[in-house]
């Protein structure tokens, strides 16, 4: 009786391990859209803001502006 119970327990453990190992976790489309949105936002994070009307091309909106203001960081140097 104990051998049968032990054998049944081993079979259940092996089958459950095999099922969990072969189970694929898929990422939802919403998660992928959020990742892309965050990545796209960080591309222009260090550019700053564009002000006024002038002759400079704004790198974000591609309009003609007078001033392009942005922060400075030492992270880009290394």
PDB file of N, CA and C in Angstrom:
ATOM      1  N   UNK A   1       0.824  -1.195   0.000  1.00  0.00           N
ATOM      2  CA  UNK A   1       0.000   0.000   0.000  1.00  0.00           C
ATOM      3  C   UNK A   1       0.868   1.259   0.000  1.00  0.00           C
ATOM      4  N   UNK A   2       1.934   1.261   0.819  1.00  0.00           N
ATOM      5  CA  UNK A   2       2.813   2.424   0.875  1.00  0.00           C
ATOM      6  C   UNK A   2       3.565   2.599  -0.440  1.00  0.00           C
ATOM      7  N   UNK A   3       3.943   1.479  -1.085  1.00  0.00           N
ATOM      8  CA  UNK A   3       4.653   1.564  -2.357  1.00  0.00           C
ATOM      9  C   UNK A   3       3.750   2.151  -3.439  1.00  0.00           C
ATOM     10  N   UNK A   4       2.480   1.755  -3.439  1.00  0.00           N
ATOM     11  CA  UNK A   4       1.538   2.283  -4.430  1.00  0.00           C
ATOM     12  C   UNK A   4       1.321   3.786  -4.244  1.00  0.00           C
ATOM     13  N   UNK A   5       1.205   4.208  -3.006  1.00  0.00           N
ATOM     14  CA  UNK A   5       1.018   5.628  -2.703  1.00  0.00           C
ATOM     15  C   UNK A   5       2.260   6.432  -3.093  1.00  0.00           C
ATOM     16  N   UNK A   6       3.438   5.891  -2.810  1.00  0.00           N
ATOM     17  CA  UNK A   6       4.684   6.557  -3.167  1.00  0.00           C
ATOM     18  C   UNK A   6       4.841   6.632  -4.688  1.00  0.00           C
ATOM     19  N   UNK A   7       4.493   5.562  -5.389  1.00  0.00           N
ATOM     20  CA  UNK A   7       4.555   5.547  -6.847  1.00  0.00           C
ATOM     21  C   UNK A   7       3.585   6.568  -7.444  1.00  0.00           C
ATOM     22  N   UNK A   8       2.381   6.637  -6.916  1.00  0.00           N
ATOM     23  CA  UNK A   8       1.392   7.609  -7.386  1.00  0.00           C
ATOM     24  C   UNK A   8       1.867   9.043  -7.141  1.00  0.00           C
ATOM     25  N   UNK A   9       2.461   9.281  -5.992  1.00  0.00           N
ATOM     26  CA  UNK A   9       2.979  10.609  -5.664  1.00  0.00           C
ATOM     27  C   UNK A   9       4.118  11.000  -6.609  1.00  0.00           C
ATOM     28  N   UNK A  10       4.998  10.061  -6.918  1.00  0.00           N
ATOM     29  CA  UNK A  10       6.102  10.331  -7.852  1.00  0.00           C
ATOM     30  C   UNK A  10       5.578  10.625  -9.253  1.00  0.00           C
ATOM     31  N   UNK A  11       4.585   9.879  -9.703  1.00  0.00           N
ATOM     32  CA  UNK A  11       4.015  10.105 -11.032  1.00  0.00           C
ATOM     33  C   UNK A  11       3.363  11.484 -11.112  1.00  0.00           C
ATOM     34  N   UNK A  12       2.624  11.856 -10.085  1.00  0.00           N
ATOM     35  CA  UNK A  12       1.987  13.176 -10.055  1.00  0.00           C
ATOM     36  C   UNK A  12       3.044  14.278 -10.049  1.00  0.00           C
ATOM     37  N   UNK A  13       4.123  14.092  -9.287  1.00  0.00           N
ATOM     38  CA  UNK A  13       5.183  15.104  -9.232  1.00  0.00           C
ATOM     39  C   UNK A  13       5.877  15.246 -10.583  1.00  0.00           C
ATOM     40  N   UNK A  14       6.144  14.127 -11.251  1.00  0.00           N
ATOM     41  CA  UNK A  14       6.814  14.172 -12.551  1.00  0.00           C
ATOM     42  C   UNK A  14       5.923  14.833 -13.597  1.00  0.00           C
ATOM     43  N   UNK A  15       4.652  14.465 -13.621  1.00  0.00           N
ATOM     44  CA  UNK A  15       3.738  15.040 -14.608  1.00  0.00           C
ATOM     45  C   UNK A  15       3.508  16.532 -14.377  1.00  0.00           C
ATOM     46  N   UNK A  16       3.396  16.941 -13.130  1.00  0.00           N
ATOM     47  CA  UNK A  16       3.184  18.366 -12.857  1.00  0.00           C
ATOM     48  C   UNK A  16       4.436  19.180 -13.183  1.00  0.00           C
ATOM     49  N   UNK A  17       5.616  18.612 -12.929  1.00  0.00           N
ATOM     50  CA  UNK A  17       6.858  19.304 -13.282  1.00  0.00           C
ATOM     51  C   UNK A  17       6.987  19.448 -14.791  1.00  0.00           C
ATOM     52  N   UNK A  18       6.647  18.401 -15.517  1.00  0.00           N
ATOM     53  CA  UNK A  18       6.721  18.452 -16.977  1.00  0.00           C
ATOM     54  C   UNK A  18       5.729  19.470 -17.540  1.00  0.00           C
ATOM     55  N   UNK A  19       4.528  19.532 -16.964  1.00  0.00           N
ATOM     56  CA  UNK A  19       3.526  20.495 -17.434  1.00  0.00           C
ATOM     57  C   UNK A  19       3.987  21.927 -17.182  1.00  0.00           C
ATOM     58  N   UNK A  20       4.519  22.193 -15.993  1.00  0.00           N
ATOM     59  CA  UNK A  20       4.950  23.550 -15.673  1.00  0.00           C
ATOM     60  C   UNK A  20       6.170  23.964 -16.494  1.00  0.00           C
ATOM     61  N   UNK A  21       7.039  23.021 -16.826  1.00  0.00           N
ATOM     62  CA  UNK A  21       8.227  23.346 -17.617  1.00  0.00           C
ATOM     63  C   UNK A  21       7.860  23.644 -19.068  1.00  0.00           C
ATOM     64  N   UNK A  22       6.845  22.978 -19.583  1.00  0.00           N
ATOM     65  CA  UNK A  22       6.477  23.185 -20.982  1.00  0.00           C
ATOM     66  C   UNK A  22       5.462  24.311 -21.167  1.00  0.00           C
ATOM     67  N   UNK A  23       4.912  24.829 -20.093  1.00  0.00           N
ATOM     68  CA  UNK A  23       3.915  25.895 -20.163  1.00  0.00           C
ATOM     69  C   UNK A  23       4.606  27.209 -20.519  1.00  0.00           C
ATOM     70  N   UNK A  24       4.207  27.823 -21.630  1.00  0.00           N
ATOM     71  CA  UNK A  24       4.796  29.079 -22.074  1.00  0.00           C
ATOM     72  C   UNK A  24       4.009  30.259 -21.517  1.00  0.00           C
ATOM     73  N   UNK A  25       4.747  31.238 -21.047  1.00  0.00           N
ATOM     74  CA  UNK A  25       4.107  32.458 -20.574  1.00  0.00           C
ATOM     75  C   UNK A  25       4.154  33.471 -21.706  1.00  0.00           C
ATOM     76  N   UNK A  26       3.016  33.899 -22.166  1.00  0.00           N
ATOM     77  CA  UNK A  26       2.936  34.870 -23.260  1.00  0.00           C
ATOM     78  C   UNK A  26       2.665  36.254 -22.685  1.00  0.00           C
ATOM     79  N   UNK A  27       3.281  37.228 -23.301  1.00  0.00           N
ATOM     80  CA  UNK A  27       3.081  38.599 -22.870  1.00  0.00           C
ATOM     81  C   UNK A  27       1.935  39.204 -23.664  1.00  0.00           C
ATOM     82  N   UNK A  28       1.126  39.940 -22.966  1.00  0.00           N
ATOM     83  CA  UNK A  28      -0.035  40.526 -23.625  1.00  0.00           C
ATOM     84  C   UNK A  28       0.388  41.680 -24.535  1.00  0.00           C
ATOM     85  N   UNK A  29      -0.461  42.011 -25.463  1.00  0.00           N
ATOM     86  CA  UNK A  29      -0.185  43.105 -26.395  1.00  0.00           C
ATOM     87  C   UNK A  29      -0.139  44.442 -25.659  1.00  0.00           C
ATOM     88  N   UNK A  30      -0.956  44.585 -24.623  1.00  0.00           N
ATOM     89  CA  UNK A  30      -0.961  45.827 -23.855  1.00  0.00           C
ATOM     90  C   UNK A  30       0.386  46.049 -23.175  1.00  0.00           C
ATOM     91  N   UNK A  31       0.969  44.989 -22.635  1.00  0.00           N
ATOM     92  CA  UNK A  31       2.279  45.104 -22.005  1.00  0.00           C
ATOM     93  C   UNK A  31       3.334  45.526 -23.020  1.00  0.00           C
ATOM     94  N   UNK A  32       3.301  44.945 -24.198  1.00  0.00           N
ATOM     95  CA  UNK A  32       4.271  45.307 -25.229  1.00  0.00           C
ATOM     96  C   UNK A  32       4.083  46.746 -25.699  1.00  0.00           C
ATOM     97  N   UNK A  33       2.831  47.209 -25.811  1.00  0.00           N
ATOM     98  CA  UNK A  33       2.582  48.605 -26.187  1.00  0.00           C
ATOM     99  C   UNK A  33       3.110  49.562 -25.116  1.00  0.00           C
ATOM    100  N   UNK A  34       2.954  49.194 -23.847  1.00  0.00           N
ATOM    101  CA  UNK A  34       3.461  50.040 -22.768  1.00  0.00           C
ATOM    102  C   UNK A  34       4.986  50.111 -22.798  1.00  0.00           C
ATOM    103  N   UNK A  35       5.639  48.991 -23.073  1.00  0.00           N
ATOM    104  CA  UNK A  35       7.098  48.981 -23.147  1.00  0.00           C
ATOM    105  C   UNK A  35       7.576  49.856 -24.300  1.00  0.00           C
ATOM    106  N   UNK A  36       6.915  49.760 -25.439  1.00  0.00           N
ATOM    107  CA  UNK A  36       7.289  50.586 -26.588  1.00  0.00           C
ATOM    108  C   UNK A  36       7.060  52.067 -26.304  1.00  0.00           C
ATOM    109  N   UNK A  37       5.981  52.387 -25.603  1.00  0.00           N
ATOM    110  CA  UNK A  37       5.699  53.788 -25.283  1.00  0.00           C
ATOM    111  C   UNK A  37       6.748  54.348 -24.328  1.00  0.00           C
ATOM    112  N   UNK A  38       7.156  53.559 -23.356  1.00  0.00           N
ATOM    113  CA  UNK A  38       8.190  54.019 -22.433  1.00  0.00           C
ATOM    114  C   UNK A  38       9.529  54.183 -23.145  1.00  0.00           C
ATOM    115  N   UNK A  39       9.843  53.296 -24.047  1.00  0.00           N
ATOM    116  CA  UNK A  39      11.099  53.396 -24.787  1.00  0.00           C
ATOM    117  C   UNK A  39      11.083  54.601 -25.721  1.00  0.00           C
ATOM    118  N   UNK A  40       9.975  54.866 -26.360  1.00  0.00           N
ATOM    119  CA  UNK A  40       9.877  56.010 -27.267  1.00  0.00           C
ATOM    120  C   UNK A  40       9.955  57.317 -26.498  1.00  0.00           C
ATOM    121  N   UNK A  41       9.419  57.339 -25.288  1.00  0.00           N
ATOM    122  CA  UNK A  41       9.452  58.547 -24.473  1.00  0.00           C
ATOM    123  C   UNK A  41      10.871  58.848 -24.018  1.00  0.00           C
ATOM    124  N   UNK A  42      11.687  57.842 -23.767  1.00  0.00           N
ATOM    125  CA  UNK A  42      13.033  58.082 -23.270  1.00  0.00           C
ATOM    126  C   UNK A  42      13.989  58.520 -24.369  1.00  0.00           C
ATOM    127  N   UNK A  43      13.623  58.349 -25.631  1.00  0.00           N
ATOM    128  CA  UNK A  43      14.488  58.799 -26.720  1.00  0.00           C
ATOM    129  C   UNK A  43      14.657  60.312 -26.715  1.00  0.00           C
ATOM    130  N   UNK A  44      13.603  61.042 -26.402  1.00  0.00           N
ATOM    131  CA  UNK A  44      13.641  62.500 -26.426  1.00  0.00           C
ATOM    132  C   UNK A  44      13.601  63.088 -25.020  1.00  0.00           C
ATOM    133  N   UNK A  45      13.968  62.310 -24.015  1.00  0.00           N
ATOM    134  CA  UNK A  45      13.877  62.803 -22.642  1.00  0.00           C
ATOM    135  C   UNK A  45      14.924  63.870 -22.356  1.00  0.00           C
ATOM    136  N   UNK A  46      16.104  63.777 -22.978  1.00  0.00           N
ATOM    137  CA  UNK A  46      17.154  64.729 -22.682  1.00  0.00           C
ATOM    138  C   UNK A  46      17.129  65.960 -23.592  1.00  0.00           C
ATOM    139  N   UNK A  47      16.230  66.030 -24.541  1.00  0.00           N
ATOM    140  CA  UNK A  47      16.184  67.146 -25.481  1.00  0.00           C
ATOM    141  C   UNK A  47      15.631  68.400 -24.814  1.00  0.00           C
ATOM    142  N   UNK A  48      14.563  68.271 -24.078  1.00  0.00           N
ATOM    143  CA  UNK A  48      14.010  69.420 -23.393  1.00  0.00           C
ATOM    144  C   UNK A  48      12.778  69.963 -24.066  1.00  0.00           C
ATOM    145  N   UNK A  49      12.696  71.294 -24.128  1.00  0.00           N
ATOM    146  CA  UNK A  49      11.502  71.949 -24.654  1.00  0.00           C
ATOM    147  C   UNK A  49      11.893  72.956 -25.731  1.00  0.00           C
ATOM    148  N   UNK A  50      10.958  73.209 -26.614  1.00  0.00           N
ATOM    149  CA  UNK A  50      11.160  74.182 -27.686  1.00  0.00           C
ATOM    150  C   UNK A  50      10.255  75.386 -27.433  1.00  0.00           C
ATOM    151  N   UNK A  51      10.828  76.606 -27.611  1.00  0.00           N
ATOM    152  CA  UNK A  51      10.076  77.825 -27.316  1.00  0.00           C
ATOM    153  C   UNK A  51      10.149  78.798 -28.484  1.00  0.00           C
ATOM    154  N   UNK A  52       9.065  79.524 -28.672  1.00  0.00           N
ATOM    155  CA  UNK A  52       9.042  80.620 -29.617  1.00  0.00           C
ATOM    156  C   UNK A  52       8.927  80.196 -31.065  1.00  0.00           C
ATOM    157  N   UNK A  53       9.040  81.206 -31.935  1.00  0.00           N
ATOM    158  CA  UNK A  53       8.997  80.976 -33.378  1.00  0.00           C
ATOM    159  C   UNK A  53      10.268  81.564 -33.973  1.00  0.00           C
ATOM    160  N   UNK A  54      11.006  80.731 -34.701  1.00  0.00           N
ATOM    161  CA  UNK A  54      12.271  81.215 -35.242  1.00  0.00           C
ATOM    162  C   UNK A  54      12.787  80.325 -36.348  1.00  0.00           C
ATOM    163  N   UNK A  55      14.118  80.149 -36.389  1.00  0.00           N
ATOM    164  CA  UNK A  55      14.746  79.422 -37.492  1.00  0.00           C
ATOM    165  C   UNK A  55      15.312  78.065 -37.098  1.00  0.00           C
ATOM    166  N   UNK A  56      15.283  77.718 -35.831  1.00  0.00           N
ATOM    167  CA  UNK A  56      15.817  76.422 -35.394  1.00  0.00           C
ATOM    168  C   UNK A  56      14.778  75.322 -35.577  1.00  0.00           C
ATOM    169  N   UNK A  57      15.235  74.133 -35.901  1.00  0.00           N
ATOM    170  CA  UNK A  57      14.334  72.978 -36.012  1.00  0.00           C
ATOM    171  C   UNK A  57      14.226  72.291 -34.663  1.00  0.00           C
ATOM    172  N   UNK A  58      13.008  72.194 -34.157  1.00  0.00           N
ATOM    173  CA  UNK A  58      12.767  71.495 -32.898  1.00  0.00           C
ATOM    174  C   UNK A  58      12.915  69.988 -33.142  1.00  0.00           C
ATOM    175  N   UNK A  59      13.773  69.291 -32.367  1.00  0.00           N
ATOM    176  CA  UNK A  59      13.966  67.858 -32.599  1.00  0.00           C
ATOM    177  C   UNK A  59      12.767  67.001 -32.215  1.00  0.00           C
ATOM    178  N   UNK A  60      11.852  67.534 -31.434  1.00  0.00           N
ATOM    179  CA  UNK A  60      10.689  66.754 -31.011  1.00  0.00           C
ATOM    180  C   UNK A  60       9.537  66.921 -31.993  1.00  0.00           C
ATOM    181  N   UNK A  61       9.138  68.177 -32.249  1.00  0.00           N
ATOM    182  CA  UNK A  61       7.961  68.432 -33.088  1.00  0.00           C
ATOM    183  C   UNK A  61       8.316  68.803 -34.526  1.00  0.00           C
ATOM    184  N   UNK A  62       9.594  69.031 -34.814  1.00  0.00           N
ATOM    185  CA  UNK A  62      10.076  69.405 -36.147  1.00  0.00           C
ATOM    186  C   UNK A  62       9.482  70.720 -36.638  1.00  0.00           C
ATOM    187  N   UNK A  63       9.141  71.608 -35.712  1.00  0.00           N
ATOM    188  CA  UNK A  63       8.675  72.949 -36.055  1.00  0.00           C
ATOM    189  C   UNK A  63       9.862  73.909 -36.004  1.00  0.00           C
ATOM    190  N   UNK A  64       9.681  75.076 -36.582  1.00  0.00           N
ATOM    191  CA  UNK A  64      10.696  76.127 -36.508  1.00  0.00           C
ATOM    192  C   UNK A  64      10.499  76.895 -35.206  1.00  0.00           C
ATOM    193  N   UNK A  65      11.519  76.918 -34.352  1.00  0.00           N
ATOM    194  CA  UNK A  65      11.427  77.555 -33.038  1.00  0.00           C
ATOM    195  C   UNK A  65      12.607  78.497 -32.850  1.00  0.00           C
ATOM    196  N   UNK A  66      12.504  79.325 -31.807  1.00  0.00           N
ATOM    197  CA  UNK A  66      13.568  80.277 -31.513  1.00  0.00           C
ATOM    198  C   UNK A  66      14.572  79.703 -30.518  1.00  0.00           C
ATOM    199  N   UNK A  67      14.083  78.964 -29.503  1.00  0.00           N
ATOM    200  CA  UNK A  67      14.959  78.417 -28.466  1.00  0.00           C
ATOM    201  C   UNK A  67      14.698  76.924 -28.283  1.00  0.00           C
ATOM    202  N   UNK A  68      15.757  76.201 -28.028  1.00  0.00           N
ATOM    203  CA  UNK A  68      15.653  74.794 -27.626  1.00  0.00           C
ATOM    204  C   UNK A  68      16.354  74.687 -26.280  1.00  0.00           C
ATOM    205  N   UNK A  69      15.589  74.366 -25.242  1.00  0.00           N
ATOM    206  CA  UNK A  69      16.136  74.293 -23.893  1.00  0.00           C
ATOM    207  C   UNK A  69      16.131  72.846 -23.423  1.00  0.00           C
ATOM    208  N   UNK A  70      17.180  72.483 -22.714  1.00  0.00           N
ATOM    209  CA  UNK A  70      17.252  71.130 -22.180  1.00  0.00           C
ATOM    210  C   UNK A  70      18.206  71.075 -21.008  1.00  0.00           C
ATOM    211  N   UNK A  71      18.089  70.025 -20.254  1.00  0.00           N
ATOM    212  CA  UNK A  71      18.971  69.849 -19.116  1.00  0.00           C
ATOM    213  C   UNK A  71      20.302  69.255 -19.532  1.00  0.00           C
ATOM    214  N   UNK A  72      21.272  69.396 -18.670  1.00  0.00           N
ATOM    215  CA  UNK A  72      22.589  68.839 -18.926  1.00  0.00           C
ATOM    216  C   UNK A  72      22.817  67.665 -17.994  1.00  0.00           C
ATOM    217  N   UNK A  73      23.518  66.673 -18.495  1.00  0.00           N
ATOM    218  CA  UNK A  73      23.774  65.485 -17.699  1.00  0.00           C
ATOM    219  C   UNK A  73      25.160  64.954 -18.024  1.00  0.00           C
ATOM    220  N   UNK A  74      25.831  64.417 -17.026  1.00  0.00           N
ATOM    221  CA  UNK A  74      27.134  63.803 -17.239  1.00  0.00           C
ATOM    222  C   UNK A  74      27.018  62.338 -17.618  1.00  0.00           C
ATOM    223  N   UNK A  75      25.809  61.801 -17.622  1.00  0.00           N
ATOM    224  CA  UNK A  75      25.626  60.389 -17.935  1.00  0.00           C
ATOM    225  C   UNK A  75      25.984  60.077 -19.381  1.00  0.00           C
ATOM    226  N   UNK A  76      25.786  60.989 -20.280  1.00  0.00           N
ATOM    227  CA  UNK A  76      26.082  60.751 -21.685  1.00  0.00           C
ATOM    228  C   UNK A  76      27.576  60.709 -21.982  1.00  0.00           C
ATOM    229  N   UNK A  77      28.404  61.171 -21.055  1.00  0.00           N
ATOM    230  CA  UNK A  77      29.838  61.209 -21.291  1.00  0.00           C
ATOM    231  C   UNK A  77      30.518  59.872 -21.049  1.00  0.00           C
ATOM    232  N   UNK A  78      29.895  59.004 -20.309  1.00  0.00           N
ATOM    233  CA  UNK A  78      30.565  57.750 -19.934  1.00  0.00           C
ATOM    234  C   UNK A  78      29.953  56.585 -20.635  1.00  0.00           C
TER     235      UNK A  78
END
